[in-house]
Amino acid sequence: MLDRSRDYHDFCPDRVAADGSYVTGPFLAWLLKREVTPPAPVLDRQHQTKGKYDLSHFQYSPERDSYTCLEGHEMPLRRIKERDRVKNYYASKETCGACPIRKACTDAPFRTVTRHMDEGARQKVRALCDTAAYDESRQRRKKVEMLFAHLKCHLGFKRLRLRGLKGASEEFLLAATAQNLKRLAKMVPS
């Protein structure tokens, strides 16, 4: 879509808006390569560790492409999953078995750390979340997302019933008209 807008309309946006589920590592890297500011915060699950140490407790070494745990043990790269675009780093069973802080780190026989292949792009976007431009973008995105949420929750517009681009356009136009009429009726004094 960005390429078409550049080719056909000579329009090159410097930022885009999208739903949070679009904000994946490959998409962020693709946007940053084209110098487009990403739309939303990074979808992170690194703190969902059931009370165990998360990724922030491990030190990454780009030169060695390995992690170091809090006890100073190296966790080398053991597996690359191209389909999921992640790298897995494991400590040995012997190292984790003798570790004094093992109970706070893992319940498994050894600790695994997963790193996204596009972690560099994800880090750049995390740094953007603290800027004034991001706050402005978030406020603008909220205006649009609230309208869609209202359509789904209050007007029952959960899915399209007509098929094809023409049917979807007509159905959505009708739903947006109903939404605007409802808003307009609230503006009329009673």
C-alpha atoms as a PDB file:
ATOM      1  CA  MET A   1       0.000   0.000   0.000  1.00  0.00           C
ATOM      2  CA  LEU A   2       2.868   2.392   0.818  1.00  0.00           C
ATOM      3  CA  ASP A   3       4.580   1.535  -2.459  1.00  0.00           C
ATOM      4  CA  ARG A   4       1.353   2.141  -4.426  1.00  0.00           C
ATOM      5  CA  SER A   5       0.784   5.514  -2.748  1.00  0.00           C
ATOM      6  CA  ARG A   6       4.348   6.501  -3.616  1.00  0.00           C
ATOM      7  CA  ASP A   7       4.146   5.238  -7.226  1.00  0.00           C
ATOM      8  CA  TYR A   8       0.654   6.461  -8.172  1.00  0.00           C
ATOM      9  CA  HIS A   9       0.124   9.527  -6.015  1.00  0.00           C
ATOM     10  CA  ASP A  10       3.670  10.687  -5.220  1.00  0.00           C
ATOM     11  CA  PHE A  11       2.737  10.473  -1.529  1.00  0.00           C
ATOM     12  CA  CYS A  12       5.293   9.144   0.948  1.00  0.00           C
ATOM     13  CA  PRO A  13       3.923   9.162   4.515  1.00  0.00           C
ATOM     14  CA  ASP A  14       6.371   9.545   7.386  1.00  0.00           C
ATOM     15  CA  ARG A  15       4.084   7.696   9.818  1.00  0.00           C
ATOM     16  CA  VAL A  16       1.193   5.271   9.640  1.00  0.00           C
ATOM     17  CA  ALA A  17      -1.620   4.122  11.908  1.00  0.00           C
ATOM     18  CA  ALA A  18      -2.557   0.483  12.400  1.00  0.00           C
ATOM     19  CA  ASP A  19      -4.070  -1.846  14.933  1.00  0.00           C
ATOM     20  CA  GLY A  20      -1.726  -3.155  17.610  1.00  0.00           C
ATOM     21  CA  SER A  21      -1.837  -6.693  16.268  1.00  0.00           C
ATOM     22  CA  TYR A  22       0.005  -5.521  13.124  1.00  0.00           C
ATOM     23  CA  VAL A  23       3.003  -4.402  15.144  1.00  0.00           C
ATOM     24  CA  THR A  24       5.235  -7.436  14.689  1.00  0.00           C
ATOM     25  CA  GLY A  25       9.018  -7.487  14.406  1.00  0.00           C
ATOM     26  CA  PRO A  26       9.195  -8.006  10.620  1.00  0.00           C
ATOM     27  CA  PHE A  27       6.611  -5.259  10.033  1.00  0.00           C
ATOM     28  CA  LEU A  28       8.524  -2.833  12.285  1.00  0.00           C
ATOM     29  CA  ALA A  29      11.810  -3.580  10.519  1.00  0.00           C
ATOM     30  CA  TRP A  30      10.113  -3.100   7.140  1.00  0.00           C
ATOM     31  CA  LEU A  31       8.693   0.293   8.213  1.00  0.00           C
ATOM     32  CA  LEU A  32      11.945   1.534   9.751  1.00  0.00           C
ATOM     33  CA  LYS A  33      13.848   0.564   6.585  1.00  0.00           C
ATOM     34  CA  ARG A  34      11.486   2.892   4.674  1.00  0.00           C
ATOM     35  CA  GLU A  35      11.880   5.643   7.327  1.00  0.00           C
ATOM     36  CA  VAL A  36       8.222   5.423   8.381  1.00  0.00           C
ATOM     37  CA  THR A  37       7.402   5.842  12.071  1.00  0.00           C
ATOM     38  CA  PRO A  38       5.589   2.741  13.345  1.00  0.00           C
ATOM     39  CA  PRO A  39       1.985   3.043  14.501  1.00  0.00           C
ATOM     40  CA  ALA A  40       1.714   1.486  17.942  1.00  0.00           C
ATOM     41  CA  PRO A  41       3.663   0.083  20.862  1.00  0.00           C
ATOM     42  CA  VAL A  42       5.534  -3.172  20.400  1.00  0.00           C
ATOM     43  CA  LEU A  43       3.489  -6.246  21.201  1.00  0.00           C
ATOM     44  CA  ASP A  44       5.583  -7.693  24.026  1.00  0.00           C
ATOM     45  CA  ARG A  45       5.017 -10.811  26.017  1.00  0.00           C
ATOM     46  CA  GLN A  46       8.417 -10.817  27.689  1.00  0.00           C
ATOM     47  CA  HIS A  47       6.948 -10.075  31.124  1.00  0.00           C
ATOM     48  CA  GLN A  48       4.536 -13.022  31.011  1.00  0.00           C
ATOM     49  CA  THR A  49       6.841 -15.382  32.874  1.00  0.00           C
ATOM     50  CA  LYS A  50       4.612 -16.533  35.772  1.00  0.00           C
ATOM     51  CA  GLY A  51       6.813 -14.811  38.343  1.00  0.00           C
ATOM     52  CA  LYS A  52      10.119 -16.081  36.955  1.00  0.00           C
ATOM     53  CA  TYR A  53      12.924 -13.892  35.614  1.00  0.00           C
ATOM     54  CA  ASP A  54      12.083 -12.207  32.322  1.00  0.00           C
ATOM     55  CA  LEU A  55      14.317 -11.219  29.425  1.00  0.00           C
ATOM     56  CA  SER A  56      15.451  -8.011  31.154  1.00  0.00           C
ATOM     57  CA  HIS A  57      17.345 -10.117  33.725  1.00  0.00           C
ATOM     58  CA  PHE A  58      19.661 -11.520  31.048  1.00  0.00           C
ATOM     59  CA  GLN A  59      22.498  -9.635  29.337  1.00  0.00           C
ATOM     60  CA  TYR A  60      22.781  -9.994  25.546  1.00  0.00           C
ATOM     61  CA  SER A  61      26.187  -9.969  23.847  1.00  0.00           C
ATOM     62  CA  PRO A  62      25.880  -9.147  20.125  1.00  0.00           C
ATOM     63  CA  GLU A  63      29.539 -10.048  19.448  1.00  0.00           C
ATOM     64  CA  ARG A  64      29.120 -13.587  20.783  1.00  0.00           C
ATOM     65  CA  ASP A  65      25.390 -13.821  19.945  1.00  0.00           C
ATOM     66  CA  SER A  66      24.692 -15.209  23.400  1.00  0.00           C
ATOM     67  CA  TYR A  67      23.050 -14.284  26.691  1.00  0.00           C
ATOM     68  CA  THR A  68      24.531 -14.235  30.174  1.00  0.00           C
ATOM     69  CA  CYS A  69      22.388 -15.058  33.201  1.00  0.00           C
ATOM     70  CA  LEU A  70      22.480 -13.271  36.572  1.00  0.00           C
ATOM     71  CA  GLU A  71      24.971 -15.830  37.889  1.00  0.00           C
ATOM     72  CA  GLY A  72      27.355 -15.085  34.989  1.00  0.00           C
ATOM     73  CA  HIS A  73      26.782 -18.304  33.029  1.00  0.00           C
ATOM     74  CA  GLU A  74      26.747 -18.066  29.243  1.00  0.00           C
ATOM     75  CA  MET A  75      23.659 -19.187  27.341  1.00  0.00           C
ATOM     76  CA  PRO A  76      24.790 -19.805  23.735  1.00  0.00           C
ATOM     77  CA  LEU A  77      22.573 -19.859  20.666  1.00  0.00           C
ATOM     78  CA  ARG A  78      21.176 -23.378  20.263  1.00  0.00           C
ATOM     79  CA  ARG A  79      18.349 -23.132  17.732  1.00  0.00           C
ATOM     80  CA  ILE A  80      17.007 -20.770  15.065  1.00  0.00           C
ATOM     81  CA  LYS A  81      13.343 -20.996  14.072  1.00  0.00           C
ATOM     82  CA  GLU A  82      13.117 -19.222  10.710  1.00  0.00           C
ATOM     83  CA  ARG A  83       9.340 -19.677  10.473  1.00  0.00           C
ATOM     84  CA  ASP A  84       8.754 -17.952  13.823  1.00  0.00           C
ATOM     85  CA  ARG A  85      11.693 -15.553  13.281  1.00  0.00           C
ATOM     86  CA  VAL A  86      13.181 -16.274  16.709  1.00  0.00           C
ATOM     87  CA  LYS A  87      16.457 -17.540  18.150  1.00  0.00           C
ATOM     88  CA  ASN A  88      16.592 -19.767  21.233  1.00  0.00           C
ATOM     89  CA  TYR A  89      19.432 -19.614  23.759  1.00  0.00           C
ATOM     90  CA  TYR A  90      19.801 -22.405  26.351  1.00  0.00           C
ATOM     91  CA  ALA A  91      21.894 -22.918  29.439  1.00  0.00           C
ATOM     92  CA  SER A  92      23.121 -26.446  30.133  1.00  0.00           C
ATOM     93  CA  LYS A  93      21.301 -28.783  32.526  1.00  0.00           C
ATOM     94  CA  GLU A  94      24.438 -29.032  34.663  1.00  0.00           C
ATOM     95  CA  THR A  95      24.755 -25.258  34.981  1.00  0.00           C
ATOM     96  CA  CYS A  96      21.090 -24.728  35.884  1.00  0.00           C
ATOM     97  CA  GLY A  97      20.998 -27.799  38.151  1.00  0.00           C
ATOM     98  CA  ALA A  98      23.715 -26.360  40.408  1.00  0.00           C
ATOM     99  CA  CYS A  99      22.478 -22.729  40.258  1.00  0.00           C
ATOM    100  CA  PRO A 100      21.525 -21.174  43.623  1.00  0.00           C
ATOM    101  CA  ILE A 101      18.796 -18.947  42.081  1.00  0.00           C
ATOM    102  CA  ARG A 102      17.274 -21.639  39.861  1.00  0.00           C
ATOM    103  CA  LYS A 103      13.860 -21.554  41.601  1.00  0.00           C
ATOM    104  CA  ALA A 104      13.469 -17.834  40.747  1.00  0.00           C
ATOM    105  CA  CYS A 105      14.626 -18.412  37.180  1.00  0.00           C
ATOM    106  CA  THR A 106      12.888 -21.554  35.898  1.00  0.00           C
ATOM    107  CA  ASP A 107      10.971 -24.691  36.820  1.00  0.00           C
ATOM    108  CA  ALA A 108      12.416 -26.579  33.835  1.00  0.00           C
ATOM    109  CA  PRO A 109      15.668 -28.574  33.929  1.00  0.00           C
ATOM    110  CA  PHE A 110      17.394 -25.685  32.093  1.00  0.00           C
ATOM    111  CA  ARG A 111      16.606 -22.069  31.220  1.00  0.00           C
ATOM    112  CA  THR A 112      15.645 -20.987  27.696  1.00  0.00           C
ATOM    113  CA  VAL A 113      15.683 -17.401  26.424  1.00  0.00           C
ATOM    114  CA  THR A 114      14.001 -16.428  23.155  1.00  0.00           C
ATOM    115  CA  ARG A 115      15.122 -13.438  21.077  1.00  0.00           C
ATOM    116  CA  HIS A 116      13.300 -12.111  18.017  1.00  0.00           C
ATOM    117  CA  MET A 117      15.376 -11.764  14.877  1.00  0.00           C
ATOM    118  CA  ASP A 118      14.048  -8.226  14.502  1.00  0.00           C
ATOM    119  CA  GLU A 119      14.821  -7.270  18.101  1.00  0.00           C
ATOM    120  CA  GLY A 120      16.842  -4.228  16.940  1.00  0.00           C
ATOM    121  CA  ALA A 121      13.781  -2.731  15.260  1.00  0.00           C
ATOM    122  CA  ARG A 122      11.650  -3.601  18.286  1.00  0.00           C
ATOM    123  CA  GLN A 123      14.095  -1.753  20.568  1.00  0.00           C
ATOM    124  CA  LYS A 124      14.015   1.361  18.361  1.00  0.00           C
ATOM    125  CA  VAL A 125      10.214   1.422  18.502  1.00  0.00           C
ATOM    126  CA  ARG A 126      10.216   0.924  22.293  1.00  0.00           C
ATOM    127  CA  ALA A 127      12.421   4.045  22.534  1.00  0.00           C
ATOM    128  CA  LEU A 128       9.918   6.014  20.396  1.00  0.00           C
ATOM    129  CA  CYS A 129       7.103   5.321  22.898  1.00  0.00           C
ATOM    130  CA  ASP A 130       8.473   7.978  25.262  1.00  0.00           C
ATOM    131  CA  THR A 131       8.335  10.847  22.751  1.00  0.00           C
ATOM    132  CA  ALA A 132       5.779  13.648  22.333  1.00  0.00           C
ATOM    133  CA  ALA A 133       5.203  12.667  18.687  1.00  0.00           C
ATOM    134  CA  TYR A 134       4.176   9.188  19.817  1.00  0.00           C
ATOM    135  CA  ASP A 135       1.700  10.637  22.343  1.00  0.00           C
ATOM    136  CA  GLU A 136       0.129  12.778  19.605  1.00  0.00           C
ATOM    137  CA  SER A 137      -0.087   9.792  17.274  1.00  0.00           C
ATOM    138  CA  ARG A 138      -1.688   7.696  20.028  1.00  0.00           C
ATOM    139  CA  GLN A 139      -4.342  10.361  20.625  1.00  0.00           C
ATOM    140  CA  ARG A 140      -5.162  10.547  16.915  1.00  0.00           C
ATOM    141  CA  ARG A 141      -5.301   6.775  16.595  1.00  0.00           C
ATOM    142  CA  LYS A 142      -7.625   6.576  19.589  1.00  0.00           C
ATOM    143  CA  LYS A 143     -10.173   8.836  17.854  1.00  0.00           C
ATOM    144  CA  VAL A 144     -10.449   6.435  14.929  1.00  0.00           C
ATOM    145  CA  GLU A 145     -10.313   3.240  16.986  1.00  0.00           C
ATOM    146  CA  MET A 146     -13.086   4.443  19.288  1.00  0.00           C
ATOM    147  CA  LEU A 147     -15.412   4.831  16.299  1.00  0.00           C
ATOM    148  CA  PHE A 148     -14.737   1.257  15.207  1.00  0.00           C
ATOM    149  CA  ALA A 149     -15.189   0.008  18.779  1.00  0.00           C
ATOM    150  CA  HIS A 150     -18.533   1.835  18.973  1.00  0.00           C
ATOM    151  CA  LEU A 151     -19.656   0.216  15.723  1.00  0.00           C
ATOM    152  CA  LYS A 152     -18.792  -3.230  17.088  1.00  0.00           C
ATOM    153  CA  CYS A 153     -20.094  -2.866  20.644  1.00  0.00           C
ATOM    154  CA  HIS A 154     -23.126  -0.597  20.375  1.00  0.00           C
ATOM    155  CA  LEU A 155     -24.355  -1.022  16.819  1.00  0.00           C
ATOM    156  CA  GLY A 156     -23.728  -4.772  16.475  1.00  0.00           C
ATOM    157  CA  PHE A 157     -21.394  -4.400  13.481  1.00  0.00           C
ATOM    158  CA  LYS A 158     -19.200  -7.392  14.331  1.00  0.00           C
ATOM    159  CA  ARG A 159     -18.762  -8.806  10.842  1.00  0.00           C
ATOM    160  CA  LEU A 160     -19.658  -8.075   7.238  1.00  0.00           C
ATOM    161  CA  ARG A 161     -22.576  -9.966   5.795  1.00  0.00           C
ATOM    162  CA  LEU A 162     -22.241  -8.876   2.159  1.00  0.00           C
ATOM    163  CA  ARG A 163     -19.362 -10.250   0.111  1.00  0.00           C
ATOM    164  CA  GLY A 164     -16.972  -8.572  -2.260  1.00  0.00           C
ATOM    165  CA  LEU A 165     -15.459  -5.119  -2.184  1.00  0.00           C
ATOM    166  CA  LYS A 166     -18.655  -3.473  -3.422  1.00  0.00           C
ATOM    167  CA  GLY A 167     -20.830  -5.232  -0.835  1.00  0.00           C
ATOM    168  CA  ALA A 168     -18.398  -4.439   1.983  1.00  0.00           C
ATOM    169  CA  SER A 169     -18.235  -0.779   0.930  1.00  0.00           C
ATOM    170  CA  GLU A 170     -22.018  -0.448   0.843  1.00  0.00           C
ATOM    171  CA  GLU A 171     -22.501  -2.221   4.173  1.00  0.00           C
ATOM    172  CA  PHE A 172     -19.830  -0.160   5.885  1.00  0.00           C
ATOM    173  CA  LEU A 173     -21.223   3.081   4.424  1.00  0.00           C
ATOM    174  CA  LEU A 174     -24.639   2.198   5.832  1.00  0.00           C
ATOM    175  CA  ALA A 175     -23.152   1.415   9.273  1.00  0.00           C
ATOM    176  CA  ALA A 176     -21.147   4.664   9.313  1.00  0.00           C
ATOM    177  CA  THR A 177     -24.277   6.605   8.300  1.00  0.00           C
ATOM    178  CA  ALA A 178     -26.210   5.035  11.184  1.00  0.00           C
ATOM    179  CA  GLN A 179     -23.388   5.927  13.555  1.00  0.00           C
ATOM    180  CA  ASN A 180     -23.292   9.531  12.362  1.00  0.00           C
ATOM    181  CA  LEU A 181     -27.091   9.868  12.605  1.00  0.00           C
ATOM    182  CA  LYS A 182     -26.956   8.580  16.175  1.00  0.00           C
ATOM    183  CA  ARG A 183     -24.248  11.125  17.027  1.00  0.00           C
ATOM    184  CA  LEU A 184     -26.194  13.886  15.271  1.00  0.00           C
ATOM    185  CA  ALA A 185     -29.361  13.066  17.248  1.00  0.00           C
ATOM    186  CA  LYS A 186     -27.437  13.602  20.493  1.00  0.00           C
ATOM    187  CA  MET A 187     -26.469  17.114  19.367  1.00  0.00           C
ATOM    188  CA  VAL A 188     -30.073  18.251  18.859  1.00  0.00           C
ATOM    189  CA  PRO A 189     -31.446  19.851  22.029  1.00  0.00           C
ATOM    190  CA  SER A 190     -34.489  18.046  23.394  1.00  0.00           C
END
